[in-house]
Amino acid sequence: MIDFLFLDVGICYSCKKEEIYKYHLCQKCLDKLDYRGNSFKLSDNICYSLYFYNDFMKKLIADYKFNRNTCLKDVFSDMLYSFLVDNDLTDFDYILASPSSRKTVNKRGFDHIKLIVDSFSDKLEIKKLDEFKKVKNTKSQHTLNRFERSENLKGAFSLDKDINGSRILLIDDLITTGNTALEIIKELKKRGASEVVTLAICSERSVN
């Protein structure tokens, strides 16, 4: 895994030019983000989203996932951690990073959501649900229509663990249709979870 360790101390992790203001970003880069702090329902399950998926957020996520600018994990983890603490969303039995398949992790070189969650889960003192796996190599969701997206994810996730009565915090990077989160929630509730709350870095839903 390649990490951008050459960054100057105190310099923005995105533009690599200006001084850090917050979340390892400078004021100029932070101002390009569209903060929402939304909450909405995925079926009967609550979902929180921090930012709207605008062009700058799209660039940040792509730089992290596909250009291996893994220092950006600190940007996203600090955003998520601050939101959870500020909104008193810390009373969970398990925290789950939305998993990638083994094929995707091998190709990318790292599990991008797990890397983010690992950066703050210990501070929250919430156990990680590492037993939850993606067992099916699915097609990229953005290439499919609404029906195909739902079919693509059927049987994609598996958990060999009794979590009866547990409250789960699910972390993801992006919510679009919500199909991925819903399929994960379905498997978690099948295994006995009493509640699953989703928190995403961003969403295409422009709810204020």
Protein backbone atom coordinates (compact mmCIF):
# COMPACT_ATOMS: atom_id res chain seq x y z
CA MET A 1 0.00 0.00 0.00
CA ILE A 2 1.27 3.44 -0.94
CA ASP A 3 0.88 6.18 1.64
CA PHE A 4 1.62 9.84 1.09
CA LEU A 5 4.06 10.19 3.97
CA PHE A 6 5.97 12.96 2.24
CA LEU A 7 3.34 15.57 3.11
CA ASP A 8 4.75 18.56 4.96
CA VAL A 9 3.54 18.78 8.54
CA GLY A 10 0.58 21.15 8.82
CA ILE A 11 -0.13 21.22 5.07
CA CYS A 12 -3.54 20.37 3.58
CA TYR A 13 -3.91 16.70 2.66
CA SER A 14 -5.86 17.57 -0.49
CA CYS A 15 -4.23 20.53 -2.26
CA LYS A 16 -0.88 20.03 -0.48
CA LYS A 17 -0.33 23.79 -0.58
CA GLU A 18 -2.20 25.63 2.17
CA GLU A 19 -2.03 25.31 5.96
CA ILE A 20 -4.45 22.91 7.66
CA TYR A 21 -7.59 24.50 9.09
CA LYS A 22 -9.76 21.49 10.08
CA TYR A 23 -9.95 17.77 9.34
CA HIS A 24 -6.46 17.92 7.79
CA LEU A 25 -7.81 20.26 5.10
CA CYS A 26 -7.13 23.94 4.51
CA GLN A 27 -9.89 26.54 4.67
CA LYS A 28 -10.12 26.75 0.85
CA CYS A 29 -10.59 22.99 0.41
CA LEU A 30 -13.02 22.75 3.32
CA ASP A 31 -15.12 25.53 1.80
CA LYS A 32 -15.49 23.46 -1.38
CA LEU A 33 -17.37 20.79 0.58
CA ASP A 34 -21.14 20.99 0.98
CA TYR A 35 -21.88 20.03 4.60
CA ARG A 36 -25.43 18.81 5.25
CA GLY A 37 -25.50 16.61 8.36
CA ASN A 38 -28.60 14.94 6.93
CA SER A 39 -30.70 12.20 8.40
CA PHE A 40 -33.14 10.19 6.30
CA LYS A 41 -34.72 6.76 6.20
CA LEU A 42 -33.50 3.72 4.27
CA SER A 43 -36.66 1.68 4.39
CA ASP A 44 -37.31 1.72 8.18
CA ASN A 45 -33.67 2.32 9.11
CA ILE A 46 -32.11 5.67 9.92
CA CYS A 47 -29.17 6.91 7.89
CA TYR A 48 -26.96 9.93 8.49
CA SER A 49 -24.89 11.63 5.82
CA LEU A 50 -22.33 14.36 6.43
CA TYR A 51 -21.79 15.92 3.00
CA PHE A 52 -23.47 16.24 -0.35
CA TYR A 53 -21.64 14.33 -3.08
CA ASN A 54 -20.49 17.38 -5.03
CA ASP A 55 -17.60 17.56 -7.48
CA PHE A 56 -14.97 18.27 -4.84
CA MET A 57 -16.09 15.40 -2.59
CA LYS A 58 -16.12 13.15 -5.65
CA LYS A 59 -12.51 14.17 -6.31
CA LEU A 60 -11.48 13.53 -2.69
CA ILE A 61 -13.00 10.05 -2.61
CA ALA A 62 -11.54 9.13 -6.01
CA ASP A 63 -8.10 10.36 -4.94
CA TYR A 64 -8.34 8.17 -1.85
CA LYS A 65 -9.76 5.02 -3.43
CA PHE A 66 -8.17 4.95 -6.86
CA ASN A 67 -5.03 7.09 -6.59
CA ARG A 68 -4.05 5.52 -3.26
CA ASN A 69 -3.74 8.83 -1.45
CA THR A 70 -4.29 6.90 1.77
CA CYS A 71 -3.45 9.83 4.04
CA LEU A 72 -7.00 11.00 3.22
CA LYS A 73 -8.27 8.29 5.57
CA ASP A 74 -7.43 10.76 8.35
CA VAL A 75 -9.63 13.41 6.75
CA PHE A 76 -12.64 11.11 6.54
CA SER A 77 -12.12 9.43 9.92
CA ASP A 78 -11.90 12.79 11.71
CA MET A 79 -15.10 13.97 10.01
CA LEU A 80 -16.98 10.83 11.02
CA TYR A 81 -15.60 10.72 14.56
CA SER A 82 -16.48 14.36 15.22
CA PHE A 83 -20.03 13.86 13.95
CA LEU A 84 -20.58 10.78 16.11
CA VAL A 85 -19.30 12.44 19.27
CA ASP A 86 -21.03 15.78 18.65
CA ASN A 87 -24.38 14.03 18.05
CA ASP A 88 -23.96 11.50 20.88
CA LEU A 89 -24.09 8.55 18.46
CA THR A 90 -21.74 6.28 20.36
CA ASP A 91 -24.00 3.75 22.10
CA PHE A 92 -23.52 0.73 19.85
CA ASP A 93 -22.50 -2.86 20.42
CA TYR A 94 -20.60 -3.12 17.13
CA ILE A 95 -19.24 -0.90 14.40
CA LEU A 96 -19.10 -2.27 10.86
CA ALA A 97 -17.12 -0.91 7.93
CA SER A 98 -19.07 -1.61 4.75
CA PRO A 99 -16.91 -4.42 3.35
CA SER A 100 -15.31 -4.81 -0.05
CA SER A 101 -14.78 -8.20 -1.66
CA ARG A 102 -11.37 -9.85 -1.42
CA LYS A 103 -10.91 -9.32 -5.16
CA THR A 104 -11.51 -5.56 -4.82
CA VAL A 105 -9.18 -5.27 -1.82
CA ASN A 106 -6.43 -7.15 -3.65
CA LYS A 107 -6.82 -4.96 -6.72
CA ARG A 108 -6.95 -1.67 -4.79
CA GLY A 109 -4.32 -2.68 -2.26
CA PHE A 110 -6.38 -1.77 0.81
CA ASP A 111 -9.89 -1.89 2.24
CA HIS A 112 -10.79 1.79 2.06
CA ILE A 113 -13.68 1.89 4.55
CA LYS A 114 -12.02 -0.44 7.04
CA LEU A 115 -8.94 1.78 7.02
CA ILE A 116 -11.11 4.77 7.96
CA VAL A 117 -12.99 2.92 10.70
CA ASP A 118 -9.79 1.50 12.18
CA SER A 119 -8.62 5.08 12.71
CA PHE A 120 -11.36 5.95 15.19
CA SER A 121 -13.15 2.81 16.43
CA ASP A 122 -10.81 2.33 19.41
CA LYS A 123 -11.48 5.89 20.57
CA LEU A 124 -15.20 5.12 20.63
CA GLU A 125 -14.58 1.81 22.43
CA ILE A 126 -16.97 0.00 20.09
CA LYS A 127 -16.10 -3.52 18.98
CA LYS A 128 -15.56 -4.01 15.25
CA LEU A 129 -17.71 -6.60 13.50
CA ASP A 130 -14.86 -8.04 11.45
CA GLU A 131 -16.69 -11.33 10.94
CA PHE A 132 -19.04 -9.65 8.46
CA LYS A 133 -17.78 -10.33 4.92
CA LYS A 134 -18.57 -9.55 1.32
CA VAL A 135 -18.54 -13.00 -0.26
CA LYS A 136 -19.66 -12.17 -3.79
CA ASN A 137 -17.73 -10.23 -6.42
CA THR A 138 -20.38 -7.80 -7.59
CA LYS A 139 -20.34 -5.44 -10.54
CA SER A 140 -19.77 -1.75 -9.85
CA GLN A 141 -23.13 -0.33 -8.80
CA HIS A 142 -22.81 2.93 -10.77
CA THR A 143 -22.77 0.95 -14.06
CA LEU A 144 -26.20 -0.60 -13.39
CA ASN A 145 -29.80 0.54 -13.48
CA ARG A 146 -32.00 0.52 -10.36
CA PHE A 147 -33.27 -3.06 -10.83
CA GLU A 148 -29.83 -4.41 -11.73
CA ARG A 149 -28.30 -2.77 -8.65
CA SER A 150 -30.71 -4.60 -6.36
CA GLU A 151 -30.17 -7.96 -8.10
CA ASN A 152 -26.40 -7.44 -8.17
CA LEU A 153 -26.18 -7.39 -4.37
CA LYS A 154 -28.38 -10.37 -3.51
CA GLY A 155 -26.37 -12.87 -1.47
CA ALA A 156 -23.31 -10.62 -1.51
CA PHE A 157 -22.83 -10.46 2.28
CA SER A 158 -22.45 -13.04 5.01
CA LEU A 159 -22.07 -13.11 8.79
CA ASP A 160 -21.29 -16.27 10.76
CA LYS A 161 -21.92 -14.82 14.20
CA ASP A 162 -24.84 -14.48 16.60
CA ILE A 163 -25.49 -10.79 17.21
CA ASN A 164 -28.92 -11.18 18.77
CA GLY A 165 -30.21 -7.91 20.23
CA SER A 166 -27.16 -5.89 19.13
CA ARG A 167 -27.16 -2.29 17.93
CA ILE A 168 -24.89 -1.88 14.91
CA LEU A 169 -23.28 1.26 13.47
CA LEU A 170 -22.65 0.79 9.74
CA ILE A 171 -20.07 3.08 8.12
CA ASP A 172 -19.91 3.71 4.35
CA ASP A 173 -18.40 6.32 2.06
CA LEU A 174 -21.32 7.07 -0.26
CA ILE A 175 -25.08 6.51 -0.26
CA THR A 176 -26.77 6.65 -3.67
CA THR A 177 -29.80 4.34 -4.00
CA GLY A 178 -29.08 2.82 -0.59
CA ASN A 179 -29.19 -0.72 -2.00
CA THR A 180 -25.80 -1.71 -0.60
CA ALA A 181 -26.64 -0.52 2.91
CA LEU A 182 -30.06 -2.18 2.78
CA GLU A 183 -28.58 -5.53 1.74
CA ILE A 184 -26.07 -5.32 4.61
CA ILE A 185 -28.84 -4.38 7.04
CA LYS A 186 -30.92 -7.31 5.83
CA GLU A 187 -28.12 -9.76 6.65
CA LEU A 188 -27.43 -8.13 10.03
CA LYS A 189 -31.08 -8.32 11.06
CA LYS A 190 -31.29 -11.90 9.86
CA ARG A 191 -28.51 -12.61 12.37
CA GLY A 192 -30.42 -10.90 15.17
CA ALA A 193 -29.41 -7.24 15.14
CA SER A 194 -32.08 -5.13 16.85
CA GLU A 195 -31.10 -1.88 15.12
CA VAL A 196 -28.71 -0.78 12.39
CA VAL A 197 -27.81 2.90 12.01
CA THR A 198 -25.90 3.91 8.89
CA LEU A 199 -23.44 6.79 8.74
CA ALA A 200 -22.02 7.81 5.35
CA ILE A 201 -19.41 10.39 4.51
CA CYS A 202 -21.62 11.70 1.73
CA SER A 203 -24.84 11.17 -0.18
CA GLU A 204 -26.39 12.16 -3.48
CA ARG A 205 -29.54 13.07 -1.56
CA SER A 206 -29.70 16.84 -1.18
CA VAL A 207 -31.85 16.89 1.97
CA ASN A 208 -31.19 19.94 4.14
